[in-house]
Protein backbone atom coordinates (compact mmCIF):
# COMPACT_ATOMS: atom_id res chain seq x y z
CA MET A 1 26.78 4.28 6.81
CA GLU A 2 24.67 1.45 8.18
CA ALA A 3 24.99 -1.90 6.43
CA TYR A 4 22.00 -3.01 4.36
CA SER A 5 20.01 -6.05 5.41
CA ASP A 6 19.50 -8.89 2.95
CA GLU A 7 15.93 -7.72 2.40
CA GLN A 8 17.02 -4.12 1.75
CA ARG A 9 19.58 -5.34 -0.80
CA LEU A 10 16.87 -7.44 -2.44
CA VAL A 11 14.53 -4.43 -2.64
CA LEU A 12 17.30 -2.33 -4.20
CA ARG A 13 17.92 -5.12 -6.73
CA ALA A 14 14.17 -5.33 -7.48
CA GLN A 15 14.11 -1.58 -8.11
CA ARG A 16 16.70 -2.09 -10.86
CA ASP A 17 15.55 -5.51 -12.09
CA PRO A 18 11.84 -6.43 -11.91
CA GLU A 19 12.72 -10.14 -12.09
CA ALA A 20 14.32 -9.85 -8.64
CA PHE A 21 10.88 -8.90 -7.31
CA GLY A 22 9.98 -12.60 -7.49
CA GLU A 23 12.13 -13.26 -4.43
CA LEU A 24 10.28 -10.59 -2.45
CA TYR A 25 7.01 -12.14 -3.63
CA ASP A 26 8.13 -15.57 -2.41
CA MET A 27 9.22 -14.16 0.96
CA HIS A 28 5.95 -12.37 1.70
CA PHE A 29 3.19 -14.11 -0.26
CA ASP A 30 1.96 -16.45 2.49
CA ARG A 31 1.54 -13.72 5.13
CA ILE A 32 -0.09 -11.22 2.77
CA TYR A 33 -2.44 -13.89 1.41
CA ALA A 34 -3.37 -15.02 4.95
CA TYR A 35 -4.09 -11.43 5.97
CA ILE A 36 -6.31 -10.78 2.95
CA HIS A 37 -8.06 -14.15 3.27
CA ARG A 38 -8.96 -13.40 6.88
CA LYS A 39 -10.27 -9.98 5.85
CA THR A 40 -12.41 -11.35 3.02
CA GLY A 41 -13.22 -14.92 4.07
CA ASP A 42 -13.16 -15.99 0.44
CA ARG A 43 -10.30 -17.98 -1.10
CA GLN A 44 -10.84 -16.77 -4.68
CA VAL A 45 -11.21 -13.13 -3.69
CA ALA A 46 -8.12 -13.41 -1.47
CA GLU A 47 -6.11 -14.87 -4.35
CA ASP A 48 -7.22 -12.06 -6.67
CA LEU A 49 -6.56 -9.32 -4.12
CA THR A 50 -3.18 -10.79 -3.20
CA ALA A 51 -2.24 -10.74 -6.88
CA ASP A 52 -3.43 -7.11 -7.09
CA THR A 53 -1.35 -6.25 -4.02
CA PHE A 54 1.84 -7.63 -5.51
CA LEU A 55 1.13 -6.10 -8.93
CA LYS A 56 0.72 -2.69 -7.28
CA ALA A 57 3.87 -3.25 -5.25
CA LEU A 58 5.82 -4.16 -8.40
CA ALA A 59 4.40 -1.16 -10.27
CA HIS A 60 5.43 1.19 -7.44
CA ILE A 61 8.64 -0.47 -6.22
CA GLN A 62 10.59 2.51 -7.58
CA HIS A 63 8.83 4.75 -5.05
CA TYR A 64 9.59 2.53 -2.05
CA ARG A 65 12.11 4.04 0.35
CA TYR A 66 13.50 2.28 3.39
CA THR A 67 12.38 4.19 6.50
CA GLY A 68 13.56 1.77 9.17
CA GLN A 69 10.45 -0.40 8.82
CA PRO A 70 10.51 -3.77 7.07
CA PHE A 71 9.36 -4.08 3.47
CA ALA A 72 6.42 -6.18 4.77
CA ALA A 73 4.94 -3.08 6.44
CA TRP A 74 4.76 -1.39 3.02
CA LEU A 75 3.14 -4.51 1.54
CA TYR A 76 0.55 -4.70 4.35
CA ARG A 77 -0.36 -1.06 3.74
CA ILE A 78 -0.90 -1.81 0.05
CA ALA A 79 -2.90 -4.96 0.93
CA ALA A 80 -5.10 -3.03 3.37
CA ASN A 81 -5.83 -0.42 0.70
CA VAL A 82 -6.59 -3.12 -1.89
CA VAL A 83 -9.10 -4.71 0.53
CA ILE A 84 -10.67 -1.31 1.25
CA ASP A 85 -10.97 -0.61 -2.48
CA TYR A 86 -12.55 -4.04 -3.00
CA TYR A 87 -15.18 -3.41 -0.32
CA ARG A 88 -15.99 0.01 -1.77
CA VAL A 89 -17.24 -1.84 -4.84
CA HIS A 90 -18.43 -5.10 -3.21
CA ARG A 91 -20.39 -4.73 -0.03
CA PRO A 92 -19.33 -7.30 2.58
CA THR A 93 -21.57 -10.34 2.61
CA VAL A 94 -19.25 -12.98 4.11
CA GLN A 95 -18.10 -13.77 7.62
CA LEU A 96 -14.72 -12.21 8.49
CA ASP A 97 -13.13 -15.45 9.60
CA GLU A 98 -15.37 -17.95 7.83
CA GLY A 99 -12.20 -19.60 6.53
CA LEU A 100 -10.81 -20.56 9.93
CA SER A 101 -9.49 -24.08 9.70
CA ALA A 102 -10.91 -26.92 11.74
CA ALA A 103 -7.47 -28.02 12.93
CA GLY A 104 -7.60 -29.76 16.27
CA VAL A 105 -11.23 -30.84 15.90
CA GLY A 106 -11.70 -34.35 17.25
CA PRO A 107 -13.51 -37.09 15.42
CA GLU A 108 -16.50 -36.95 17.77
CA PRO A 109 -19.51 -35.09 16.30
CA GLU A 110 -20.16 -33.34 19.62
CA GLU A 111 -16.59 -32.03 19.74
CA ALA A 112 -16.82 -30.90 16.11
CA ALA A 113 -20.10 -29.06 16.80
CA LEU A 114 -18.64 -27.31 19.87
CA ALA A 115 -15.53 -26.30 17.93
CA LEU A 116 -17.70 -24.93 15.11
CA ASP A 117 -19.77 -22.95 17.63
CA ASP A 118 -16.57 -21.52 19.11
CA ARG A 119 -15.21 -20.53 15.67
CA GLN A 120 -18.52 -18.86 14.81
CA ALA A 121 -18.46 -17.00 18.13
CA VAL A 122 -14.91 -15.81 17.41
CA SER A 123 -15.96 -14.71 13.93
CA ARG A 124 -18.94 -12.76 15.33
CA ALA A 125 -16.72 -11.19 17.99
CA LEU A 126 -14.19 -10.12 15.36
CA GLN A 127 -16.97 -8.53 13.32
CA ALA A 128 -17.92 -6.42 16.34
CA LEU A 129 -14.52 -4.70 16.12
CA SER A 130 -13.86 -1.56 14.11
CA PRO A 131 -12.00 -2.10 10.81
CA ASP A 132 -8.79 -0.70 12.36
CA GLN A 133 -9.13 -3.02 15.37
CA GLN A 134 -9.68 -5.99 13.03
CA ASP A 135 -6.54 -5.05 11.09
CA VAL A 136 -4.45 -4.76 14.25
CA VAL A 137 -5.65 -8.13 15.58
CA LEU A 138 -5.10 -9.89 12.23
CA MET A 139 -1.66 -8.37 11.64
CA ARG A 140 -0.55 -9.09 15.21
CA PHE A 141 -1.82 -12.64 15.58
CA ALA A 142 -2.35 -13.96 12.04
CA GLY A 143 0.52 -12.03 10.49
CA ASP A 144 2.81 -12.36 13.53
CA MET A 145 3.88 -8.75 13.12
CA LYS A 146 5.54 -6.55 15.72
CA LEU A 147 3.67 -3.50 16.96
CA LYS A 148 6.11 -1.08 15.33
CA ASP A 149 5.64 -2.83 11.98
CA ILE A 150 1.86 -2.72 12.32
CA ALA A 151 2.11 0.99 13.11
CA ALA A 152 4.13 1.54 9.94
CA ALA A 153 1.72 -0.53 7.85
CA MET A 154 -1.30 1.39 9.17
CA GLY A 155 0.31 4.82 9.18
CA LYS A 156 -0.28 5.18 12.93
CA THR A 157 1.94 5.66 15.95
CA GLU A 158 2.98 2.64 17.97
CA GLY A 159 1.00 4.05 20.91
CA ALA A 160 -2.15 4.25 18.79
CA VAL A 161 -1.66 0.63 17.69
CA LYS A 162 -1.19 -0.48 21.30
CA ALA A 163 -4.41 1.32 22.26
CA LEU A 164 -6.30 -0.25 19.33
CA LEU A 165 -5.03 -3.71 20.24
CA PHE A 166 -5.88 -3.23 23.93
CA ARG A 167 -9.44 -2.13 23.12
CA ALA A 168 -9.85 -4.88 20.53
CA LEU A 169 -8.75 -7.60 22.93
CA ASN A 170 -11.05 -6.27 25.65
CA THR A 171 -13.97 -6.23 23.22
CA LEU A 172 -13.13 -9.76 22.02
CA ARG A 173 -12.88 -11.01 25.60
CA ARG A 174 -16.24 -9.45 26.49
CA LYS A 175 -18.01 -10.71 23.33
CA LEU A 176 -16.63 -14.23 23.75
CA SER A 177 -17.69 -14.29 27.41
CA GLU A 178 -21.18 -13.20 26.39
CA SER A 179 -21.21 -16.10 23.89
CA GLY A 180 -20.12 -18.58 26.55
CA VAL A 181 -16.68 -19.10 25.02
CA GLN A 182 -13.74 -19.02 27.41
CA PRO A 183 -11.17 -16.61 25.91
């Protein structure tokens, strides 16, 4: 029998003892929150939906089974469904990446204005993508996930995820070029 990873042992412990779930929460909170924040563009909504994600994960931890994919893939799938459920009730009215930080912006007003224009162009380009393409881009680059883990989180094959990412990046490149931003 294959040896369990530390994370697998922690999940097994959390299935027996809900207090052990806190360690899983600590391990994955930042990435799940960042993913949801980029999907919603609103700090308060992201905090609420992240809490909902972890509450659902805790409530259903007994049903989690290790399938060769990391626990994070299961959490991302829950987070994606929580965001979808949220938007079924609340129609989107915010920019996808409105919350991009201004890190690297120089003190000069002209530089700050150009950086803001670039961030807005990136946000508009991201909005031109399909929801699945947005998810793939955010999980890959914001969540730093591997393609196989994204596939597991989205319930798609790795080939389908590669195709989504390829099309998304081509669309982003084209939209950014049209906006005068060098990708």
